[in-house]
């Protein structure tokens, strides 16, 4: 549990400190943090970003070092503590 929280904090820091972050990925991380109790899928995030689902998943993973599902779990677990 601690590792997930730490991972989320480091990912958030990385995203906020990066000046060249793709705004579609930044928006997706904000969406995940705000809608963690909802059934968030890569398809929903990709649709909002106007990207292909596979490409969005790959871009998200490359940018954040975690999958969309891992980010969603980390958001939820942080609030449970």
C-alpha atoms as a PDB file:
ATOM      1  CA  UNK A   1       0.000   0.000   0.000  1.00  0.00           C
ATOM      2  CA  UNK A   2       2.771   2.421   0.929  1.00  0.00           C
ATOM      3  CA  UNK A   3       4.522   1.671  -2.357  1.00  0.00           C
ATOM      4  CA  UNK A   4       1.406   2.571  -4.340  1.00  0.00           C
ATOM      5  CA  UNK A   5       1.026   5.855  -2.502  1.00  0.00           C
ATOM      6  CA  UNK A   6       4.678   6.703  -2.944  1.00  0.00           C
ATOM      7  CA  UNK A   7       4.481   5.776  -6.612  1.00  0.00           C
ATOM      8  CA  UNK A   8       1.465   8.052  -7.076  1.00  0.00           C
ATOM      9  CA  UNK A   9       3.129  10.957  -5.344  1.00  0.00           C
ATOM     10  CA  UNK A  10       6.268  10.573  -7.415  1.00  0.00           C
ATOM     11  CA  UNK A  11       4.238  10.265 -10.601  1.00  0.00           C
ATOM     12  CA  UNK A  12       2.239  13.370  -9.745  1.00  0.00           C
ATOM     13  CA  UNK A  13       5.445  15.254  -8.949  1.00  0.00           C
ATOM     14  CA  UNK A  14       6.979  14.098 -12.215  1.00  0.00           C
ATOM     15  CA  UNK A  15       3.921  15.221 -14.158  1.00  0.00           C
ATOM     16  CA  UNK A  16       3.680  18.591 -12.465  1.00  0.00           C
ATOM     17  CA  UNK A  17       7.380  19.349 -12.727  1.00  0.00           C
ATOM     18  CA  UNK A  18       7.729  18.370 -16.369  1.00  0.00           C
ATOM     19  CA  UNK A  19       7.395  21.335 -18.679  1.00  0.00           C
ATOM     20  CA  UNK A  20       6.931  19.357 -21.883  1.00  0.00           C
ATOM     21  CA  UNK A  21       4.292  16.926 -20.636  1.00  0.00           C
ATOM     22  CA  UNK A  22       1.590  16.136 -23.153  1.00  0.00           C
ATOM     23  CA  UNK A  23      -1.490  18.052 -21.977  1.00  0.00           C
ATOM     24  CA  UNK A  24      -3.713  15.078 -22.871  1.00  0.00           C
ATOM     25  CA  UNK A  25      -1.856  12.925 -20.335  1.00  0.00           C
ATOM     26  CA  UNK A  26      -1.903  15.666 -17.712  1.00  0.00           C
ATOM     27  CA  UNK A  27      -5.666  16.011 -18.194  1.00  0.00           C
ATOM     28  CA  UNK A  28      -6.075  12.245 -17.918  1.00  0.00           C
ATOM     29  CA  UNK A  29      -4.260  12.140 -14.580  1.00  0.00           C
ATOM     30  CA  UNK A  30      -6.460  14.937 -13.263  1.00  0.00           C
ATOM     31  CA  UNK A  31      -9.520  13.036 -14.479  1.00  0.00           C
ATOM     32  CA  UNK A  32      -8.355   9.858 -12.734  1.00  0.00           C
ATOM     33  CA  UNK A  33      -7.778  11.717  -9.480  1.00  0.00           C
ATOM     34  CA  UNK A  34     -11.234  13.314  -9.631  1.00  0.00           C
ATOM     35  CA  UNK A  35     -13.176  10.232 -10.774  1.00  0.00           C
ATOM     36  CA  UNK A  36     -11.354   7.399  -8.988  1.00  0.00           C
ATOM     37  CA  UNK A  37     -14.595   5.802  -7.669  1.00  0.00           C
ATOM     38  CA  UNK A  38     -16.019   5.567 -11.199  1.00  0.00           C
ATOM     39  CA  UNK A  39     -15.321   2.743 -13.600  1.00  0.00           C
ATOM     40  CA  UNK A  40     -12.520   4.465 -15.509  1.00  0.00           C
ATOM     41  CA  UNK A  41     -11.283   2.674 -18.598  1.00  0.00           C
ATOM     42  CA  UNK A  42      -8.501   3.414 -21.032  1.00  0.00           C
ATOM     43  CA  UNK A  43     -11.223   3.805 -23.647  1.00  0.00           C
ATOM     44  CA  UNK A  44     -12.868   6.653 -21.728  1.00  0.00           C
ATOM     45  CA  UNK A  45      -9.558   8.454 -21.244  1.00  0.00           C
ATOM     46  CA  UNK A  46      -8.511   7.886 -24.850  1.00  0.00           C
ATOM     47  CA  UNK A  47     -11.833   9.213 -26.106  1.00  0.00           C
ATOM     48  CA  UNK A  48     -11.442  12.384 -24.061  1.00  0.00           C
ATOM     49  CA  UNK A  49      -7.944  12.826 -25.465  1.00  0.00           C
ATOM     50  CA  UNK A  50      -9.128  12.083 -29.031  1.00  0.00           C
ATOM     51  CA  UNK A  51      -6.587   9.291 -29.343  1.00  0.00           C
ATOM     52  CA  UNK A  52      -6.655   5.631 -30.282  1.00  0.00           C
ATOM     53  CA  UNK A  53      -7.016   3.451 -27.168  1.00  0.00           C
ATOM     54  CA  UNK A  54      -3.800   1.501 -27.757  1.00  0.00           C
ATOM     55  CA  UNK A  55      -1.777   4.623 -28.507  1.00  0.00           C
ATOM     56  CA  UNK A  56      -3.186   6.438 -25.486  1.00  0.00           C
ATOM     57  CA  UNK A  57      -2.341   3.521 -23.172  1.00  0.00           C
ATOM     58  CA  UNK A  58       1.207   3.419 -24.492  1.00  0.00           C
ATOM     59  CA  UNK A  59       1.640   7.194 -24.216  1.00  0.00           C
ATOM     60  CA  UNK A  60       0.243   7.194 -20.667  1.00  0.00           C
ATOM     61  CA  UNK A  61       2.591   4.395 -19.601  1.00  0.00           C
ATOM     62  CA  UNK A  62       5.627   6.067 -21.181  1.00  0.00           C
ATOM     63  CA  UNK A  63       4.793   9.403 -19.563  1.00  0.00           C
ATOM     64  CA  UNK A  64       3.791   8.311 -16.062  1.00  0.00           C
ATOM     65  CA  UNK A  65       5.607   4.983 -15.647  1.00  0.00           C
ATOM     66  CA  UNK A  66       2.294   3.414 -14.642  1.00  0.00           C
ATOM     67  CA  UNK A  67      -0.817   2.152 -16.354  1.00  0.00           C
ATOM     68  CA  UNK A  68      -4.159   3.948 -16.120  1.00  0.00           C
ATOM     69  CA  UNK A  69      -5.428   1.216 -13.818  1.00  0.00           C
ATOM     70  CA  UNK A  70      -2.425   1.524 -11.494  1.00  0.00           C
ATOM     71  CA  UNK A  71      -2.948   5.286 -11.320  1.00  0.00           C
ATOM     72  CA  UNK A  72      -6.620   4.822 -10.512  1.00  0.00           C
ATOM     73  CA  UNK A  73      -5.857   2.310  -7.752  1.00  0.00           C
ATOM     74  CA  UNK A  74      -3.227   4.628  -6.294  1.00  0.00           C
ATOM     75  CA  UNK A  75      -5.686   7.524  -6.263  1.00  0.00           C
ATOM     76  CA  UNK A  76      -8.304   5.470  -4.474  1.00  0.00           C
ATOM     77  CA  UNK A  77      -5.889   3.960  -1.976  1.00  0.00           C
ATOM     78  CA  UNK A  78      -4.535   7.377  -1.026  1.00  0.00           C
ATOM     79  CA  UNK A  79      -7.988   8.555  -0.063  1.00  0.00           C
ATOM     80  CA  UNK A  80      -8.751   5.402   1.905  1.00  0.00           C
ATOM     81  CA  UNK A  81      -5.942   6.053   4.362  1.00  0.00           C
END
